Amino acid sequence: MSTLSGNKVLLVILAIIFPPLGVGLHTGLASAFWISLVLTLLFYLPGFIYALWVIL
């Protein structure tokens, strides 16, 4: 069983507040950030799930 590092915990907390922020800090301005932004603008839950998937 793996443990989460402090950096990942911070990214997950940021993803709870605003999912594209967590993804953007994790991947930069790659396509994953833009997908997360669009999903969050359409509805929060898909953006949040996608952000967790990318970060973890």
N, C-alpha and C. Protein backbone atom coordinates (compact mmCIF):
# COMPACT_ATOMS: atom_id res chain seq x y z
N MET A 1 0.85 -1.18 0.00
CA MET A 1 0.00 0.00 0.00
C MET A 1 0.89 1.23 0.00
N SER A 2 0.60 2.13 -0.92
CA SER A 2 1.44 3.33 -1.01
C SER A 2 0.83 4.46 -0.18
N THR A 3 1.68 5.34 0.25
CA THR A 3 1.22 6.49 1.01
C THR A 3 1.30 7.73 0.14
N LEU A 4 0.48 8.70 0.44
CA LEU A 4 0.50 9.96 -0.29
C LEU A 4 1.57 10.87 0.28
N SER A 5 2.33 11.47 -0.59
CA SER A 5 3.33 12.44 -0.12
C SER A 5 2.62 13.74 0.22
N GLY A 6 3.31 14.61 0.90
CA GLY A 6 2.74 15.90 1.27
C GLY A 6 2.33 16.72 0.07
N ASN A 7 3.09 16.61 -1.02
CA ASN A 7 2.78 17.35 -2.24
C ASN A 7 1.45 16.88 -2.83
N LYS A 8 1.22 15.58 -2.87
CA LYS A 8 -0.03 15.04 -3.42
C LYS A 8 -1.21 15.41 -2.55
N VAL A 9 -1.02 15.43 -1.25
CA VAL A 9 -2.10 15.82 -0.34
C VAL A 9 -2.50 17.26 -0.61
N LEU A 10 -1.52 18.14 -0.80
CA LEU A 10 -1.82 19.54 -1.11
C LEU A 10 -2.54 19.66 -2.44
N LEU A 11 -2.12 18.90 -3.44
CA LEU A 11 -2.78 18.94 -4.74
C LEU A 11 -4.22 18.45 -4.67
N VAL A 12 -4.48 17.43 -3.86
CA VAL A 12 -5.84 16.94 -3.69
C VAL A 12 -6.71 17.99 -3.00
N ILE A 13 -6.16 18.67 -2.00
CA ILE A 13 -6.92 19.73 -1.32
C ILE A 13 -7.23 20.86 -2.31
N LEU A 14 -6.27 21.22 -3.14
CA LEU A 14 -6.51 22.25 -4.14
C LEU A 14 -7.53 21.78 -5.18
N ALA A 15 -7.52 20.48 -5.50
CA ALA A 15 -8.49 19.94 -6.45
C ALA A 15 -9.90 19.96 -5.87
N ILE A 16 -10.03 19.85 -4.57
CA ILE A 16 -11.35 19.94 -3.95
C ILE A 16 -11.87 21.36 -4.08
N ILE A 17 -11.00 22.34 -3.87
CA ILE A 17 -11.41 23.75 -3.94
C ILE A 17 -11.68 24.16 -5.39
N PHE A 18 -10.73 23.94 -6.28
CA PHE A 18 -10.87 24.30 -7.69
C PHE A 18 -10.07 23.29 -8.51
N PRO A 19 -10.74 22.29 -9.09
CA PRO A 19 -10.04 21.18 -9.76
C PRO A 19 -8.99 21.58 -10.79
N PRO A 20 -9.23 22.57 -11.67
CA PRO A 20 -8.17 22.90 -12.64
C PRO A 20 -6.88 23.42 -11.99
N LEU A 21 -6.99 24.02 -10.82
CA LEU A 21 -5.79 24.51 -10.14
C LEU A 21 -4.88 23.34 -9.75
N GLY A 22 -5.46 22.30 -9.17
CA GLY A 22 -4.67 21.13 -8.80
C GLY A 22 -4.04 20.46 -10.00
N VAL A 23 -4.81 20.32 -11.08
CA VAL A 23 -4.29 19.70 -12.30
C VAL A 23 -3.23 20.58 -12.93
N GLY A 24 -3.46 21.88 -12.94
CA GLY A 24 -2.49 22.79 -13.53
C GLY A 24 -1.16 22.79 -12.81
N LEU A 25 -1.19 22.72 -11.50
CA LEU A 25 0.05 22.66 -10.74
C LEU A 25 0.75 21.31 -10.91
N HIS A 26 -0.03 20.28 -11.17
CA HIS A 26 0.55 18.95 -11.34
C HIS A 26 1.15 18.75 -12.73
N THR A 27 0.44 19.22 -13.78
CA THR A 27 0.87 18.94 -15.14
C THR A 27 1.32 20.16 -15.92
N GLY A 28 1.11 21.35 -15.38
CA GLY A 28 1.37 22.56 -16.16
C GLY A 28 0.17 22.85 -17.05
N LEU A 29 0.39 23.66 -18.07
CA LEU A 29 -0.72 24.01 -18.96
C LEU A 29 -0.86 23.01 -20.11
N ALA A 30 -0.79 21.74 -19.77
CA ALA A 30 -0.96 20.68 -20.76
C ALA A 30 -2.44 20.49 -21.05
N SER A 31 -2.74 19.55 -21.92
CA SER A 31 -4.13 19.32 -22.30
C SER A 31 -4.98 18.87 -21.10
N ALA A 32 -4.36 18.21 -20.12
CA ALA A 32 -5.12 17.77 -18.95
C ALA A 32 -5.71 18.96 -18.20
N PHE A 33 -4.99 20.06 -18.14
CA PHE A 33 -5.50 21.26 -17.48
C PHE A 33 -6.75 21.78 -18.18
N TRP A 34 -6.68 21.86 -19.51
CA TRP A 34 -7.80 22.41 -20.28
C TRP A 34 -9.02 21.50 -20.21
N ILE A 35 -8.80 20.19 -20.23
CA ILE A 35 -9.91 19.24 -20.08
C ILE A 35 -10.56 19.43 -18.72
N SER A 36 -9.75 19.55 -17.69
CA SER A 36 -10.28 19.76 -16.34
C SER A 36 -11.05 21.06 -16.24
N LEU A 37 -10.55 22.10 -16.87
CA LEU A 37 -11.24 23.40 -16.84
C LEU A 37 -12.61 23.31 -17.51
N VAL A 38 -12.67 22.69 -18.67
CA VAL A 38 -13.94 22.55 -19.38
C VAL A 38 -14.92 21.70 -18.59
N LEU A 39 -14.45 20.58 -18.05
CA LEU A 39 -15.33 19.73 -17.26
C LEU A 39 -15.84 20.44 -16.01
N THR A 40 -15.00 21.23 -15.38
CA THR A 40 -15.41 21.97 -14.19
C THR A 40 -16.42 23.06 -14.55
N LEU A 41 -16.23 23.72 -15.68
CA LEU A 41 -17.18 24.75 -16.09
C LEU A 41 -18.53 24.15 -16.47
N LEU A 42 -18.52 22.95 -17.04
CA LEU A 42 -19.78 22.30 -17.38
C LEU A 42 -20.53 21.86 -16.13
N PHE A 43 -19.80 21.25 -15.21
CA PHE A 43 -20.38 20.80 -13.95
C PHE A 43 -19.22 20.42 -13.05
N TYR A 44 -19.30 20.75 -11.80
CA TYR A 44 -18.17 20.59 -10.89
C TYR A 44 -17.72 19.13 -10.73
N LEU A 45 -18.66 18.23 -10.56
CA LEU A 45 -18.32 16.84 -10.22
C LEU A 45 -17.44 16.15 -11.27
N PRO A 46 -17.76 16.22 -12.57
CA PRO A 46 -16.84 15.59 -13.54
C PRO A 46 -15.44 16.19 -13.51
N GLY A 47 -15.35 17.49 -13.32
CA GLY A 47 -14.04 18.13 -13.23
C GLY A 47 -13.27 17.66 -12.01
N PHE A 48 -13.98 17.49 -10.89
CA PHE A 48 -13.34 17.02 -9.67
C PHE A 48 -12.85 15.58 -9.81
N ILE A 49 -13.68 14.72 -10.38
CA ILE A 49 -13.29 13.32 -10.57
C ILE A 49 -12.10 13.23 -11.51
N TYR A 50 -12.12 13.99 -12.59
CA TYR A 50 -11.00 13.98 -13.53
C TYR A 50 -9.72 14.49 -12.87
N ALA A 51 -9.85 15.53 -12.05
CA ALA A 51 -8.68 16.07 -11.37
C ALA A 51 -8.06 15.03 -10.43
N LEU A 52 -8.89 14.33 -9.68
CA LEU A 52 -8.37 13.28 -8.81
C LEU A 52 -7.70 12.19 -9.61
N TRP A 53 -8.28 11.83 -10.73
CA TRP A 53 -7.73 10.79 -11.58
C TRP A 53 -6.34 11.20 -12.10
N VAL A 54 -6.20 12.44 -12.51
CA VAL A 54 -4.91 12.93 -13.04
C VAL A 54 -3.87 13.02 -11.92
N ILE A 55 -4.27 13.55 -10.77
CA ILE A 55 -3.31 13.76 -9.68
C ILE A 55 -2.88 12.44 -9.05
N LEU A 56 -3.81 11.54 -8.85
CA LEU A 56 -3.47 10.29 -8.19
C LEU A 56 -3.11 9.22 -9.18
